[in-house]
Amino acid sequence: FMKMYQVSGSMKADTDMMQCKGCGCKLGSQTLNTALRSSFAL
C-alpha cells in the first residue's frame, strides 16, 4: 500500500533537467558583467 504513495527514485543529477527557477534562472555573472561593461563604456 505504501509503495503506491512513496515517490520512487533517488536524488541524482539530470543533465536534461529544465532550467531552475527562483535565482537559478538568472543570467550568469560573466555574461551580465560583460554586457554592463560595454554599456557603461558607451
PDB file of all heavy atoms in Angstrom:
ATOM      1  N   PHE A   1       0.830  -1.203   0.000  1.00  0.00           N
ATOM      2  CA  PHE A   1       0.000   0.000   0.000  1.00  0.00           C
ATOM      3  C   PHE A   1       0.865   1.254   0.000  1.00  0.00           C
ATOM      4  O   PHE A   1       0.638   2.204  -0.759  1.00  0.00           O
ATOM      5  CB  PHE A   1      -0.926  -0.013   1.217  1.00  0.00           C
ATOM      6  CG  PHE A   1      -1.746   1.241   1.371  1.00  0.00           C
ATOM      7  CD1 PHE A   1      -2.906   1.420   0.641  1.00  0.00           C
ATOM      8  CD2 PHE A   1      -1.348   2.242   2.243  1.00  0.00           C
ATOM      9  CE1 PHE A   1      -3.660   2.576   0.776  1.00  0.00           C
ATOM     10  CE2 PHE A   1      -2.091   3.409   2.392  1.00  0.00           C
ATOM     11  CZ  PHE A   1      -3.251   3.568   1.649  1.00  0.00           C
ATOM     12  N   MET A   2       1.885   1.276   0.849  1.00  0.00           N
ATOM     13  CA  MET A   2       2.716   2.463   0.982  1.00  0.00           C
ATOM     14  C   MET A   2       3.524   2.747  -0.279  1.00  0.00           C
ATOM     15  O   MET A   2       3.767   3.912  -0.622  1.00  0.00           O
ATOM     16  CB  MET A   2       3.652   2.324   2.179  1.00  0.00           C
ATOM     17  CG  MET A   2       2.947   2.425   3.515  1.00  0.00           C
ATOM     18  SD  MET A   2       2.135   4.024   3.740  1.00  0.00           S
ATOM     19  CE  MET A   2       3.549   5.099   3.902  1.00  0.00           C
ATOM     20  N   LYS A   3       3.944   1.730  -0.985  1.00  0.00           N
ATOM     21  CA  LYS A   3       4.747   1.931  -2.190  1.00  0.00           C
ATOM     22  C   LYS A   3       3.989   2.715  -3.252  1.00  0.00           C
ATOM     23  O   LYS A   3       4.600   3.350  -4.117  1.00  0.00           O
ATOM     24  CB  LYS A   3       5.212   0.585  -2.745  1.00  0.00           C
ATOM     25  CG  LYS A   3       6.356  -0.036  -1.952  1.00  0.00           C
ATOM     26  CD  LYS A   3       6.770  -1.378  -2.535  1.00  0.00           C
ATOM     27  CE  LYS A   3       7.901  -1.995  -1.705  1.00  0.00           C
ATOM     28  NZ  LYS A   3       8.303  -3.340  -2.219  1.00  0.00           N
ATOM     29  N   MET A   4       2.667   2.676  -3.184  1.00  0.00           N
ATOM     30  CA  MET A   4       1.875   3.416  -4.164  1.00  0.00           C
ATOM     31  C   MET A   4       1.973   4.923  -3.952  1.00  0.00           C
ATOM     32  O   MET A   4       1.706   5.707  -4.866  1.00  0.00           O
ATOM     33  CB  MET A   4       0.406   2.979  -4.097  1.00  0.00           C
ATOM     34  CG  MET A   4       0.155   1.543  -4.491  1.00  0.00           C
ATOM     35  SD  MET A   4      -1.608   1.170  -4.685  1.00  0.00           S
ATOM     36  CE  MET A   4      -2.187   1.350  -2.988  1.00  0.00           C
ATOM     37  N   TYR A   5       2.370   5.340  -2.740  1.00  0.00           N
ATOM     38  CA  TYR A   5       2.344   6.761  -2.411  1.00  0.00           C
ATOM     39  C   TYR A   5       3.702   7.334  -2.042  1.00  0.00           C
ATOM     40  O   TYR A   5       3.817   8.529  -1.799  1.00  0.00           O
ATOM     41  CB  TYR A   5       1.352   6.998  -1.260  1.00  0.00           C
ATOM     42  CG  TYR A   5      -0.028   6.506  -1.611  1.00  0.00           C
ATOM     43  CD1 TYR A   5      -0.523   5.318  -1.082  1.00  0.00           C
ATOM     44  CD2 TYR A   5      -0.822   7.205  -2.499  1.00  0.00           C
ATOM     45  CE1 TYR A   5      -1.781   4.856  -1.429  1.00  0.00           C
ATOM     46  CE2 TYR A   5      -2.084   6.750  -2.851  1.00  0.00           C
ATOM     47  CZ  TYR A   5      -2.557   5.576  -2.310  1.00  0.00           C
ATOM     48  OH  TYR A   5      -3.798   5.111  -2.675  1.00  0.00           O
ATOM     49  N   GLN A   6       4.705   6.500  -1.980  1.00  0.00           N
ATOM     50  CA  GLN A   6       6.050   6.981  -1.697  1.00  0.00           C
ATOM     51  C   GLN A   6       6.772   7.163  -3.019  1.00  0.00           C
ATOM     52  O   GLN A   6       6.955   6.217  -3.782  1.00  0.00           O
ATOM     53  CB  GLN A   6       6.788   6.002  -0.781  1.00  0.00           C
ATOM     54  CG  GLN A   6       6.183   5.956   0.623  1.00  0.00           C
ATOM     55  CD  GLN A   6       6.833   4.925   1.518  1.00  0.00           C
ATOM     56  OE1 GLN A   6       7.244   3.869   1.063  1.00  0.00           O
ATOM     57  NE2 GLN A   6       6.908   5.209   2.805  1.00  0.00           N
ATOM     58  N   VAL A   7       7.169   8.401  -3.300  1.00  0.00           N
ATOM     59  CA  VAL A   7       7.750   8.740  -4.595  1.00  0.00           C
ATOM     60  C   VAL A   7       9.052   7.980  -4.784  1.00  0.00           C
ATOM     61  O   VAL A   7       9.941   8.024  -3.935  1.00  0.00           O
ATOM     62  CB  VAL A   7       7.991  10.258  -4.699  1.00  0.00           C
ATOM     63  CG1 VAL A   7       8.659  10.612  -6.025  1.00  0.00           C
ATOM     64  CG2 VAL A   7       6.673  11.006  -4.548  1.00  0.00           C
ATOM     65  N   SER A   8       9.154   7.267  -5.881  1.00  0.00           N
ATOM     66  CA  SER A   8      10.339   6.452  -6.141  1.00  0.00           C
ATOM     67  C   SER A   8      11.450   7.314  -6.713  1.00  0.00           C
ATOM     68  O   SER A   8      11.265   8.479  -7.043  1.00  0.00           O
ATOM     69  CB  SER A   8       9.999   5.323  -7.123  1.00  0.00           C
ATOM     70  OG  SER A   8       9.536   5.875  -8.350  1.00  0.00           O
ATOM     71  N   GLY A   9      12.615   6.712  -6.874  1.00  0.00           N
ATOM     72  CA  GLY A   9      13.753   7.432  -7.422  1.00  0.00           C
ATOM     73  C   GLY A   9      14.670   7.935  -6.335  1.00  0.00           C
ATOM     74  O   GLY A   9      14.355   7.898  -5.154  1.00  0.00           O
ATOM     75  N   SER A  10      15.817   8.404  -6.756  1.00  0.00           N
ATOM     76  CA  SER A  10      16.791   8.939  -5.811  1.00  0.00           C
ATOM     77  C   SER A  10      17.260  10.293  -6.311  1.00  0.00           C
ATOM     78  O   SER A  10      17.061  10.652  -7.463  1.00  0.00           O
ATOM     79  CB  SER A  10      17.987   7.990  -5.678  1.00  0.00           C
ATOM     80  OG  SER A  10      18.609   7.831  -6.944  1.00  0.00           O
ATOM     81  N   MET A  11      17.890  11.046  -5.430  1.00  0.00           N
ATOM     82  CA  MET A  11      18.417  12.338  -5.829  1.00  0.00           C
ATOM     83  C   MET A  11      19.662  12.111  -6.681  1.00  0.00           C
ATOM     84  O   MET A  11      20.703  11.717  -6.192  1.00  0.00           O
ATOM     85  CB  MET A  11      18.755  13.184  -4.601  1.00  0.00           C
ATOM     86  CG  MET A  11      17.539  13.724  -3.911  1.00  0.00           C
ATOM     87  SD  MET A  11      17.886  15.118  -2.840  1.00  0.00           S
ATOM     88  CE  MET A  11      18.762  14.327  -1.518  1.00  0.00           C
ATOM     89  N   LYS A  12      19.505  12.334  -7.961  1.00  0.00           N
ATOM     90  CA  LYS A  12      20.644  12.170  -8.858  1.00  0.00           C
ATOM     91  C   LYS A  12      20.627  13.277  -9.895  1.00  0.00           C
ATOM     92  O   LYS A  12      19.586  13.846 -10.217  1.00  0.00           O
ATOM     93  CB  LYS A  12      20.597  10.802  -9.548  1.00  0.00           C
ATOM     94  CG  LYS A  12      19.349  10.568 -10.398  1.00  0.00           C
ATOM     95  CD  LYS A  12      19.364   9.186 -11.016  1.00  0.00           C
ATOM     96  CE  LYS A  12      18.110   8.942 -11.857  1.00  0.00           C
ATOM     97  NZ  LYS A  12      18.103   7.609 -12.466  1.00  0.00           N
ATOM     98  N   ALA A  13      21.784  13.572 -10.418  1.00  0.00           N
ATOM     99  CA  ALA A  13      21.879  14.640 -11.398  1.00  0.00           C
ATOM    100  C   ALA A  13      21.129  14.257 -12.662  1.00  0.00           C
ATOM    101  O   ALA A  13      21.076  13.099 -13.064  1.00  0.00           O
ATOM    102  CB  ALA A  13      23.352  14.909 -11.712  1.00  0.00           C
ATOM    103  N   ASP A  14      20.561  15.232 -13.329  1.00  0.00           N
ATOM    104  CA  ASP A  14      19.817  15.025 -14.559  1.00  0.00           C
ATOM    105  C   ASP A  14      20.231  16.121 -15.525  1.00  0.00           C
ATOM    106  O   ASP A  14      19.819  17.273 -15.414  1.00  0.00           O
ATOM    107  CB  ASP A  14      18.301  15.102 -14.270  1.00  0.00           C
ATOM    108  CG  ASP A  14      17.468  14.785 -15.503  1.00  0.00           C
ATOM    109  OD1 ASP A  14      18.063  14.673 -16.592  1.00  0.00           O
ATOM    110  OD2 ASP A  14      16.244  14.666 -15.363  1.00  0.00           O
ATOM    111  N   THR A  15      21.053  15.758 -16.492  1.00  0.00           N
ATOM    112  CA  THR A  15      21.591  16.764 -17.398  1.00  0.00           C
ATOM    113  C   THR A  15      20.534  17.343 -18.317  1.00  0.00           C
ATOM    114  O   THR A  15      20.733  18.403 -18.911  1.00  0.00           O
ATOM    115  CB  THR A  15      22.718  16.149 -18.254  1.00  0.00           C
ATOM    116  OG1 THR A  15      22.201  14.991 -18.934  1.00  0.00           O
ATOM    117  CG2 THR A  15      23.891  15.734 -17.388  1.00  0.00           C
ATOM    118  N   ASP A  16      19.389  16.677 -18.453  1.00  0.00           N
ATOM    119  CA  ASP A  16      18.316  17.182 -19.308  1.00  0.00           C
ATOM    120  C   ASP A  16      17.283  17.972 -18.522  1.00  0.00           C
ATOM    121  O   ASP A  16      16.232  18.325 -19.049  1.00  0.00           O
ATOM    122  CB  ASP A  16      17.618  16.013 -20.023  1.00  0.00           C
ATOM    123  CG  ASP A  16      18.567  15.276 -20.965  1.00  0.00           C
ATOM    124  OD1 ASP A  16      19.433  15.958 -21.549  1.00  0.00           O
ATOM    125  OD2 ASP A  16      18.451  14.052 -21.094  1.00  0.00           O
ATOM    126  N   MET A  17      17.577  18.266 -17.268  1.00  0.00           N
ATOM    127  CA  MET A  17      16.612  18.960 -16.425  1.00  0.00           C
ATOM    128  C   MET A  17      16.372  20.367 -16.953  1.00  0.00           C
ATOM    129  O   MET A  17      17.287  21.030 -17.419  1.00  0.00           O
ATOM    130  CB  MET A  17      17.131  19.021 -14.987  1.00  0.00           C
ATOM    131  CG  MET A  17      16.081  19.441 -13.976  1.00  0.00           C
ATOM    132  SD  MET A  17      14.786  18.202 -13.833  1.00  0.00           S
ATOM    133  CE  MET A  17      13.644  19.078 -12.756  1.00  0.00           C
ATOM    134  N   MET A  18      15.124  20.824 -16.883  1.00  0.00           N
ATOM    135  CA  MET A  18      14.803  22.171 -17.312  1.00  0.00           C
ATOM    136  C   MET A  18      15.486  23.195 -16.417  1.00  0.00           C
ATOM    137  O   MET A  18      15.934  22.888 -15.318  1.00  0.00           O
ATOM    138  CB  MET A  18      13.294  22.381 -17.315  1.00  0.00           C
ATOM    139  CG  MET A  18      12.658  22.424 -15.947  1.00  0.00           C
ATOM    140  SD  MET A  18      10.877  22.751 -16.016  1.00  0.00           S
ATOM    141  CE  MET A  18      10.291  21.263 -16.818  1.00  0.00           C
ATOM    142  N   GLN A  19      15.547  24.421 -16.924  1.00  0.00           N
ATOM    143  CA  GLN A  19      16.193  25.499 -16.178  1.00  0.00           C
ATOM    144  C   GLN A  19      15.554  25.658 -14.808  1.00  0.00           C
ATOM    145  O   GLN A  19      14.337  25.593 -14.658  1.00  0.00           O
ATOM    146  CB  GLN A  19      16.067  26.812 -16.956  1.00  0.00           C
ATOM    147  CG  GLN A  19      16.778  27.979 -16.287  1.00  0.00           C
ATOM    148  CD  GLN A  19      16.475  29.296 -16.973  1.00  0.00           C
ATOM    149  OE1 GLN A  19      15.335  29.574 -17.298  1.00  0.00           O
ATOM    150  NE2 GLN A  19      17.501  30.091 -17.218  1.00  0.00           N
ATOM    151  N   CYS A  20      16.398  25.877 -13.799  1.00  0.00           N
ATOM    152  CA  CYS A  20      15.880  26.068 -12.456  1.00  0.00           C
ATOM    153  C   CYS A  20      15.114  27.373 -12.354  1.00  0.00           C
ATOM    154  O   CYS A  20      15.253  28.276 -13.183  1.00  0.00           O
ATOM    155  CB  CYS A  20      17.032  26.050 -11.445  1.00  0.00           C
ATOM    156  SG  CYS A  20      17.670  24.399 -11.127  1.00  0.00           S
ATOM    157  N   LYS A  21      14.328  27.457 -11.288  1.00  0.00           N
ATOM    158  CA  LYS A  21      13.511  28.642 -11.060  1.00  0.00           C
ATOM    159  C   LYS A  21      14.104  29.432  -9.905  1.00  0.00           C
ATOM    160  O   LYS A  21      15.157  29.113  -9.397  1.00  0.00           O
ATOM    161  CB  LYS A  21      12.067  28.212 -10.797  1.00  0.00           C
ATOM    162  CG  LYS A  21      11.484  27.417 -11.960  1.00  0.00           C
ATOM    163  CD  LYS A  21      10.117  26.833 -11.648  1.00  0.00           C
ATOM    164  CE  LYS A  21       9.621  25.979 -12.802  1.00  0.00           C
ATOM    165  NZ  LYS A  21       8.301  25.353 -12.518  1.00  0.00           N
ATOM    166  N   GLY A  22      13.396  30.479  -9.469  1.00  0.00           N
ATOM    167  CA  GLY A  22      13.984  31.346  -8.476  1.00  0.00           C
ATOM    168  C   GLY A  22      15.243  31.978  -9.051  1.00  0.00           C
ATOM    169  O   GLY A  22      15.328  32.277 -10.250  1.00  0.00           O
ATOM    170  N   CYS A  23      16.267  32.157  -8.235  1.00  0.00           N
ATOM    171  CA  CYS A  23      17.523  32.753  -8.704  1.00  0.00           C
ATOM    172  C   CYS A  23      18.263  31.848  -9.674  1.00  0.00           C
ATOM    173  O   CYS A  23      19.184  32.291 -10.357  1.00  0.00           O
ATOM    174  CB  CYS A  23      18.422  33.064  -7.506  1.00  0.00           C
ATOM    175  SG  CYS A  23      18.156  34.729  -6.872  1.00  0.00           S
ATOM    176  N   GLY A  24      17.879  30.593  -9.728  1.00  0.00           N
ATOM    177  CA  GLY A  24      18.528  29.671 -10.646  1.00  0.00           C
ATOM    178  C   GLY A  24      18.316  30.018 -12.106  1.00  0.00           C
ATOM    179  O   GLY A  24      19.004  29.496 -12.984  1.00  0.00           O
ATOM    180  N   CYS A  25      17.345  30.913 -12.402  1.00  0.00           N
ATOM    181  CA  CYS A  25      17.092  31.286 -13.800  1.00  0.00           C
ATOM    182  C   CYS A  25      17.810  32.579 -14.182  1.00  0.00           C
ATOM    183  O   CYS A  25      17.617  33.101 -15.277  1.00  0.00           O
ATOM    184  CB  CYS A  25      15.589  31.422 -14.046  1.00  0.00           C
ATOM    185  SG  CYS A  25      14.808  32.801 -13.173  1.00  0.00           S
ATOM    186  N   LYS A  26      18.651  33.110 -13.284  1.00  0.00           N
ATOM    187  CA  LYS A  26      19.350  34.363 -13.573  1.00  0.00           C
ATOM    188  C   LYS A  26      20.393  34.170 -14.665  1.00  0.00           C
ATOM    189  O   LYS A  26      20.905  33.070 -14.898  1.00  0.00           O
ATOM    190  CB  LYS A  26      20.036  34.894 -12.308  1.00  0.00           C
ATOM    191  CG  LYS A  26      19.101  35.464 -11.272  1.00  0.00           C
ATOM    192  CD  LYS A  26      19.850  36.073 -10.111  1.00  0.00           C
ATOM    193  CE  LYS A  26      20.624  37.301 -10.531  1.00  0.00           C
ATOM    194  NZ  LYS A  26      21.190  38.014  -9.365  1.00  0.00           N
ATOM    195  N   LEU A  27      20.732  35.286 -15.313  1.00  0.00           N
ATOM    196  CA  LEU A  27      21.828  35.301 -16.266  1.00  0.00           C
ATOM    197  C   LEU A  27      23.135  35.156 -15.500  1.00  0.00           C
ATOM    198  O   LEU A  27      23.299  35.699 -14.407  1.00  0.00           O
ATOM    199  CB  LEU A  27      21.813  36.625 -17.036  1.00  0.00           C
ATOM    200  CG  LEU A  27      22.746  36.770 -18.236  1.00  0.00           C
ATOM    201  CD1 LEU A  27      22.320  35.816 -19.347  1.00  0.00           C
ATOM    202  CD2 LEU A  27      22.731  38.210 -18.742  1.00  0.00           C
ATOM    203  N   GLY A  28      24.083  34.414 -16.061  1.00  0.00           N
ATOM    204  CA  GLY A  28      25.365  34.220 -15.411  1.00  0.00           C
ATOM    205  C   GLY A  28      26.110  35.530 -15.224  1.00  0.00           C
ATOM    206  O   GLY A  28      25.968  36.479 -16.016  1.00  0.00           O
ATOM    207  N   SER A  29      26.947  35.596 -14.196  1.00  0.00           N
ATOM    208  CA  SER A  29      27.618  36.856 -13.848  1.00  0.00           C
ATOM    209  C   SER A  29      28.581  37.310 -14.933  1.00  0.00           C
ATOM    210  O   SER A  29      28.709  38.515 -15.193  1.00  0.00           O
ATOM    211  CB  SER A  29      28.354  36.696 -12.517  1.00  0.00           C
ATOM    212  OG  SER A  29      29.331  35.680 -12.604  1.00  0.00           O
ATOM    213  N   GLN A  30      29.283  36.379 -15.599  1.00  0.00           N
ATOM    214  CA  GLN A  30      30.233  36.781 -16.632  1.00  0.00           C
ATOM    215  C   GLN A  30      29.513  37.447 -17.794  1.00  0.00           C
ATOM    216  O   GLN A  30      29.925  38.496 -18.292  1.00  0.00           O
ATOM    217  CB  GLN A  30      31.026  35.567 -17.125  1.00  0.00           C
ATOM    218  CG  GLN A  30      32.193  35.186 -16.220  1.00  0.00           C
ATOM    219  CD  GLN A  30      33.108  34.184 -16.882  1.00  0.00           C
ATOM    220  OE1 GLN A  30      32.657  33.274 -17.576  1.00  0.00           O
ATOM    221  NE2 GLN A  30      34.408  34.340 -16.679  1.00  0.00           N
ATOM    222  N   THR A  31      28.427  36.835 -18.260  1.00  0.00           N
ATOM    223  CA  THR A  31      27.652  37.404 -19.355  1.00  0.00           C
ATOM    224  C   THR A  31      27.094  38.763 -18.963  1.00  0.00           C
ATOM    225  O   THR A  31      27.139  39.726 -19.736  1.00  0.00           O
ATOM    226  CB  THR A  31      26.502  36.455 -19.742  1.00  0.00           C
ATOM    227  OG1 THR A  31      27.029  35.171 -20.031  1.00  0.00           O
ATOM    228  CG2 THR A  31      25.737  36.982 -20.938  1.00  0.00           C
ATOM    229  N   LEU A  32      26.560  38.834 -17.742  1.00  0.00           N
ATOM    230  CA  LEU A  32      25.982  40.088 -17.261  1.00  0.00           C
ATOM    231  C   LEU A  32      27.035  41.186 -17.177  1.00  0.00           C
ATOM    232  O   LEU A  32      26.837  42.309 -17.654  1.00  0.00           O
ATOM    233  CB  LEU A  32      25.342  39.858 -15.896  1.00  0.00           C
ATOM    234  CG  LEU A  32      24.761  41.089 -15.191  1.00  0.00           C
ATOM    235  CD1 LEU A  32      23.616  41.678 -15.998  1.00  0.00           C
ATOM    236  CD2 LEU A  32      24.292  40.727 -13.789  1.00  0.00           C
ATOM    237  N   ASN A  33      28.179  40.886 -16.574  1.00  0.00           N
ATOM    238  CA  ASN A  33      29.201  41.904 -16.385  1.00  0.00           C
ATOM    239  C   ASN A  33      29.788  42.383 -17.710  1.00  0.00           C
ATOM    240  O   ASN A  33      30.088  43.567 -17.884  1.00  0.00           O
ATOM    241  CB  ASN A  33      30.320  41.374 -15.485  1.00  0.00           C
ATOM    242  CG  ASN A  33      29.890  41.301 -14.038  1.00  0.00           C
ATOM    243  OD1 ASN A  33      28.998  42.019 -13.610  1.00  0.00           O
ATOM    244  ND2 ASN A  33      30.518  40.414 -13.275  1.00  0.00           N
ATOM    245  N   THR A  34      29.951  41.458 -18.660  1.00  0.00           N
ATOM    246  CA  THR A  34      30.467  41.853 -19.969  1.00  0.00           C
ATOM    247  C   THR A  34      29.527  42.840 -20.642  1.00  0.00           C
ATOM    248  O   THR A  34      29.952  43.857 -21.205  1.00  0.00           O
ATOM    249  CB  THR A  34      30.664  40.616 -20.862  1.00  0.00           C
ATOM    250  OG1 THR A  34      31.599  39.736 -20.241  1.00  0.00           O
ATOM    251  CG2 THR A  34      31.192  41.016 -22.226  1.00  0.00           C
ATOM    252  N   ALA A  35      28.238  42.532 -20.579  1.00  0.00           N
ATOM    253  CA  ALA A  35      27.253  43.437 -21.178  1.00  0.00           C
ATOM    254  C   ALA A  35      27.235  44.784 -20.470  1.00  0.00           C
ATOM    255  O   ALA A  35      27.174  45.843 -21.112  1.00  0.00           O
ATOM    256  CB  ALA A  35      25.870  42.794 -21.135  1.00  0.00           C
ATOM    257  N   LEU A  36      27.301  44.762 -19.140  1.00  0.00           N
ATOM    258  CA  LEU A  36      27.263  46.014 -18.385  1.00  0.00           C
ATOM    259  C   LEU A  36      28.500  46.865 -18.641  1.00  0.00           C
ATOM    260  O   LEU A  36      28.418  48.098 -18.744  1.00  0.00           O
ATOM    261  CB  LEU A  36      27.119  45.717 -16.891  1.00  0.00           C
ATOM    262  CG  LEU A  36      25.755  45.204 -16.435  1.00  0.00           C
ATOM    263  CD1 LEU A  36      25.790  44.857 -14.954  1.00  0.00           C
ATOM    264  CD2 LEU A  36      24.669  46.237 -16.701  1.00  0.00           C
ATOM    265  N   ARG A  37      29.654  46.225 -18.751  1.00  0.00           N
ATOM    266  CA  ARG A  37      30.870  46.983 -19.026  1.00  0.00           C
ATOM    267  C   ARG A  37      30.771  47.719 -20.352  1.00  0.00           C
ATOM    268  O   ARG A  37      31.153  48.883 -20.480  1.00  0.00           O
ATOM    269  CB  ARG A  37      32.079  46.049 -19.012  1.00  0.00           C
ATOM    270  CG  ARG A  37      32.497  45.625 -17.617  1.00  0.00           C
ATOM    271  CD  ARG A  37      33.518  44.509 -17.661  1.00  0.00           C
ATOM    272  NE  ARG A  37      33.806  44.025 -16.320  1.00  0.00           N
ATOM    273  CZ  ARG A  37      34.100  42.766 -16.035  1.00  0.00           C
ATOM    274  NH1 ARG A  37      34.129  41.858 -16.992  1.00  0.00           N
ATOM    275  NH2 ARG A  37      34.352  42.402 -14.795  1.00  0.00           N
ATOM    276  N   SER A  38      30.247  47.008 -21.361  1.00  0.00           N
ATOM    277  CA  SER A  38      30.077  47.644 -22.665  1.00  0.00           C
ATOM    278  C   SER A  38      29.116  48.810 -22.569  1.00  0.00           C
ATOM    279  O   SER A  38      29.341  49.881 -23.135  1.00  0.00           O
ATOM    280  CB  SER A  38      29.556  46.617 -23.680  1.00  0.00           C
ATOM    281  OG  SER A  38      30.463  45.560 -23.823  1.00  0.00           O
ATOM    282  N   SER A  39      28.030  48.601 -21.831  1.00  0.00           N
ATOM    283  CA  SER A  39      27.023  49.646 -21.692  1.00  0.00           C
ATOM    284  C   SER A  39      27.580  50.858 -20.971  1.00  0.00           C
ATOM    285  O   SER A  39      27.377  52.005 -21.377  1.00  0.00           O
ATOM    286  CB  SER A  39      25.807  49.099 -20.948  1.00  0.00           C
ATOM    287  OG  SER A  39      24.876  50.114 -20.671  1.00  0.00           O
ATOM    288  N   PHE A  40      28.300  50.620 -19.879  1.00  0.00           N
ATOM    289  CA  PHE A  40      28.848  51.735 -19.107  1.00  0.00           C
ATOM    290  C   PHE A  40      29.958  52.446 -19.874  1.00  0.00           C
ATOM    291  O   PHE A  40      30.139  53.654 -19.734  1.00  0.00           O
ATOM    292  CB  PHE A  40      29.359  51.247 -17.753  1.00  0.00           C
ATOM    293  CG  PHE A  40      28.288  51.210 -16.714  1.00  0.00           C
ATOM    294  CD1 PHE A  40      27.488  50.094 -16.565  1.00  0.00           C
ATOM    295  CD2 PHE A  40      28.053  52.305 -15.901  1.00  0.00           C
ATOM    296  CE1 PHE A  40      26.489  50.060 -15.617  1.00  0.00           C
ATOM    297  CE2 PHE A  40      27.055  52.273 -14.948  1.00  0.00           C
ATOM    298  CZ  PHE A  40      26.265  51.151 -14.796  1.00  0.00           C
ATOM    299  N   ALA A  41      30.693  51.709 -20.708  1.00  0.00           N
ATOM    300  CA  ALA A  41      31.737  52.341 -21.513  1.00  0.00           C
ATOM    301  C   ALA A  41      31.132  53.308 -22.515  1.00  0.00           C
ATOM    302  O   ALA A  41      31.675  54.380 -22.787  1.00  0.00           O
ATOM    303  CB  ALA A  41      32.556  51.280 -22.241  1.00  0.00           C
ATOM    304  N   LEU A  42      29.974  52.948 -23.085  1.00  0.00           N
ATOM    305  CA  LEU A  42      29.318  53.794 -24.066  1.00  0.00           C
ATOM    306  C   LEU A  42      28.642  54.996 -23.428  1.00  0.00           C
ATOM    307  O   LEU A  42      28.497  56.045 -24.043  1.00  0.00           O
ATOM    308  CB  LEU A  42      28.269  52.972 -24.839  1.00  0.00           C
ATOM    309  CG  LEU A  42      28.825  51.890 -25.773  1.00  0.00           C
ATOM    310  CD1 LEU A  42      27.678  51.045 -26.327  1.00  0.00           C
ATOM    311  CD2 LEU A  42      29.604  52.530 -26.926  1.00  0.00           C
TER     312      LEU A  42
END
